[in-house]
Amino acid sequence: MNEDLINWILVVVTGLVAVHGLTYRDDDGERPWVHLLFGCIALIFFMRFLFADILGVF
């Protein structure tokens, strides 16, 4: 597979995981800390793939 395609797939997947993790609420309206933790980790990886691999900023 092409490296650019893999980078775009990783950006989309980590972006979706980050959005889900940071916006998820349970039945009581609370935000579980595990979802926030993994959402933040996914956001860091999303930014790394986007800025370093795709845009070439770093």
N, C-alpha and C. Protein backbone atom coordinates (compact mmCIF):
# COMPACT_ATOMS: atom_id res chain seq x y z
N MET A 1 0.85 -1.19 0.00
CA MET A 1 0.00 0.00 0.00
C MET A 1 0.88 1.24 0.00
N ASN A 2 0.31 2.29 -0.48
CA ASN A 2 1.02 3.55 -0.52
C ASN A 2 1.12 4.14 0.89
N GLU A 3 2.27 4.73 1.20
CA GLU A 3 2.49 5.29 2.54
C GLU A 3 1.54 6.45 2.82
N ASP A 4 1.22 7.25 1.81
CA ASP A 4 0.29 8.36 2.01
C ASP A 4 -1.11 7.87 2.36
N LEU A 5 -1.52 6.79 1.72
CA LEU A 5 -2.84 6.22 2.02
C LEU A 5 -2.90 5.71 3.46
N ILE A 6 -1.84 5.06 3.89
CA ILE A 6 -1.79 4.56 5.27
C ILE A 6 -1.84 5.72 6.25
N ASN A 7 -1.11 6.80 5.97
CA ASN A 7 -1.13 7.97 6.85
C ASN A 7 -2.52 8.58 6.93
N TRP A 8 -3.23 8.67 5.79
CA TRP A 8 -4.58 9.22 5.81
C TRP A 8 -5.54 8.31 6.58
N ILE A 9 -5.38 7.01 6.45
CA ILE A 9 -6.21 6.07 7.20
C ILE A 9 -5.97 6.24 8.70
N LEU A 10 -4.71 6.36 9.10
CA LEU A 10 -4.39 6.55 10.51
C LEU A 10 -4.94 7.88 11.04
N VAL A 11 -4.89 8.93 10.23
CA VAL A 11 -5.45 10.22 10.65
C VAL A 11 -6.95 10.11 10.87
N VAL A 12 -7.64 9.47 9.96
CA VAL A 12 -9.10 9.34 10.09
C VAL A 12 -9.47 8.49 11.30
N VAL A 13 -8.80 7.36 11.47
CA VAL A 13 -9.13 6.45 12.58
C VAL A 13 -8.82 7.10 13.92
N THR A 14 -7.64 7.70 14.07
CA THR A 14 -7.30 8.32 15.35
C THR A 14 -8.18 9.54 15.61
N GLY A 15 -8.57 10.25 14.56
CA GLY A 15 -9.49 11.38 14.74
C GLY A 15 -10.85 10.93 15.23
N LEU A 16 -11.36 9.84 14.68
CA LEU A 16 -12.65 9.32 15.13
C LEU A 16 -12.58 8.81 16.57
N VAL A 17 -11.49 8.14 16.91
CA VAL A 17 -11.32 7.67 18.29
C VAL A 17 -11.24 8.85 19.25
N ALA A 18 -10.51 9.90 18.86
CA ALA A 18 -10.38 11.09 19.72
C ALA A 18 -11.73 11.77 19.92
N VAL A 19 -12.49 11.94 18.86
CA VAL A 19 -13.80 12.59 18.98
C VAL A 19 -14.72 11.76 19.86
N HIS A 20 -14.74 10.45 19.65
CA HIS A 20 -15.60 9.61 20.48
C HIS A 20 -15.17 9.65 21.95
N GLY A 21 -13.87 9.54 22.18
CA GLY A 21 -13.39 9.52 23.56
C GLY A 21 -13.63 10.81 24.30
N LEU A 22 -13.53 11.94 23.60
CA LEU A 22 -13.68 13.23 24.27
C LEU A 22 -15.12 13.70 24.38
N THR A 23 -16.02 13.14 23.59
CA THR A 23 -17.41 13.59 23.64
C THR A 23 -18.36 12.56 24.25
N TYR A 24 -17.88 11.38 24.60
CA TYR A 24 -18.73 10.31 25.12
C TYR A 24 -19.26 10.66 26.51
N ARG A 25 -20.52 10.38 26.72
CA ARG A 25 -21.14 10.48 28.05
C ARG A 25 -21.93 9.21 28.31
N ASP A 26 -21.90 8.75 29.56
CA ASP A 26 -22.64 7.53 29.88
C ASP A 26 -24.11 7.87 30.14
N ASP A 27 -24.86 6.90 30.64
CA ASP A 27 -26.30 7.09 30.84
C ASP A 27 -26.62 8.18 31.86
N ASP A 28 -25.72 8.40 32.81
CA ASP A 28 -25.93 9.42 33.84
C ASP A 28 -25.46 10.80 33.41
N GLY A 29 -24.89 10.91 32.23
CA GLY A 29 -24.38 12.19 31.76
C GLY A 29 -22.95 12.48 32.19
N GLU A 30 -22.31 11.50 32.80
CA GLU A 30 -20.93 11.66 33.26
C GLU A 30 -19.96 11.28 32.15
N ARG A 31 -18.76 11.83 32.23
CA ARG A 31 -17.71 11.46 31.29
C ARG A 31 -16.71 10.56 32.01
N PRO A 32 -16.65 9.29 31.64
CA PRO A 32 -15.70 8.38 32.29
C PRO A 32 -14.26 8.81 32.00
N TRP A 33 -13.40 8.71 33.01
CA TRP A 33 -12.03 9.18 32.85
C TRP A 33 -11.26 8.35 31.85
N VAL A 34 -11.63 7.08 31.68
CA VAL A 34 -10.93 6.23 30.72
C VAL A 34 -11.17 6.72 29.30
N HIS A 35 -12.41 7.13 29.00
CA HIS A 35 -12.70 7.66 27.67
C HIS A 35 -11.93 8.96 27.42
N LEU A 36 -11.86 9.81 28.43
CA LEU A 36 -11.11 11.05 28.27
C LEU A 36 -9.63 10.78 28.08
N LEU A 37 -9.08 9.82 28.82
CA LEU A 37 -7.67 9.48 28.71
C LEU A 37 -7.33 8.99 27.31
N PHE A 38 -8.08 8.00 26.83
CA PHE A 38 -7.79 7.46 25.51
C PHE A 38 -8.14 8.45 24.40
N GLY A 39 -9.11 9.32 24.64
CA GLY A 39 -9.40 10.37 23.67
C GLY A 39 -8.25 11.35 23.54
N CYS A 40 -7.63 11.70 24.67
CA CYS A 40 -6.46 12.60 24.64
C CYS A 40 -5.26 11.93 23.98
N ILE A 41 -5.05 10.67 24.25
CA ILE A 41 -3.95 9.94 23.62
C ILE A 41 -4.18 9.85 22.12
N ALA A 42 -5.40 9.56 21.71
CA ALA A 42 -5.71 9.49 20.28
C ALA A 42 -5.54 10.86 19.62
N LEU A 43 -5.87 11.93 20.33
CA LEU A 43 -5.70 13.27 19.77
C LEU A 43 -4.23 13.60 19.55
N ILE A 44 -3.37 13.17 20.46
CA ILE A 44 -1.93 13.39 20.29
C ILE A 44 -1.43 12.64 19.06
N PHE A 45 -1.84 11.39 18.89
CA PHE A 45 -1.42 10.63 17.71
C PHE A 45 -2.01 11.24 16.43
N PHE A 46 -3.26 11.71 16.49
CA PHE A 46 -3.88 12.37 15.34
C PHE A 46 -3.05 13.57 14.91
N MET A 47 -2.68 14.40 15.86
CA MET A 47 -1.89 15.59 15.53
C MET A 47 -0.51 15.21 15.02
N ARG A 48 0.08 14.15 15.56
CA ARG A 48 1.39 13.71 15.10
C ARG A 48 1.34 13.24 13.66
N PHE A 49 0.36 12.40 13.32
CA PHE A 49 0.24 11.91 11.95
C PHE A 49 -0.08 13.05 10.99
N LEU A 50 -0.95 13.96 11.40
CA LEU A 50 -1.35 15.04 10.52
C LEU A 50 -0.19 16.01 10.27
N PHE A 51 0.42 16.50 11.33
CA PHE A 51 1.45 17.53 11.17
C PHE A 51 2.79 16.98 10.71
N ALA A 52 3.20 15.83 11.20
CA ALA A 52 4.52 15.32 10.86
C ALA A 52 4.52 14.54 9.55
N ASP A 53 3.58 13.62 9.39
CA ASP A 53 3.62 12.73 8.23
C ASP A 53 2.93 13.31 7.00
N ILE A 54 1.80 13.98 7.19
CA ILE A 54 1.05 14.45 6.02
C ILE A 54 1.46 15.87 5.63
N LEU A 55 1.46 16.80 6.57
CA LEU A 55 1.80 18.17 6.24
C LEU A 55 3.30 18.45 6.22
N GLY A 56 4.08 17.62 6.91
CA GLY A 56 5.52 17.77 6.92
C GLY A 56 6.01 19.00 7.67
N VAL A 57 5.28 19.42 8.69
CA VAL A 57 5.66 20.60 9.46
C VAL A 57 6.88 20.33 10.33
N PHE A 58 6.96 19.15 10.90
CA PHE A 58 8.09 18.82 11.79
C PHE A 58 9.13 18.04 11.04
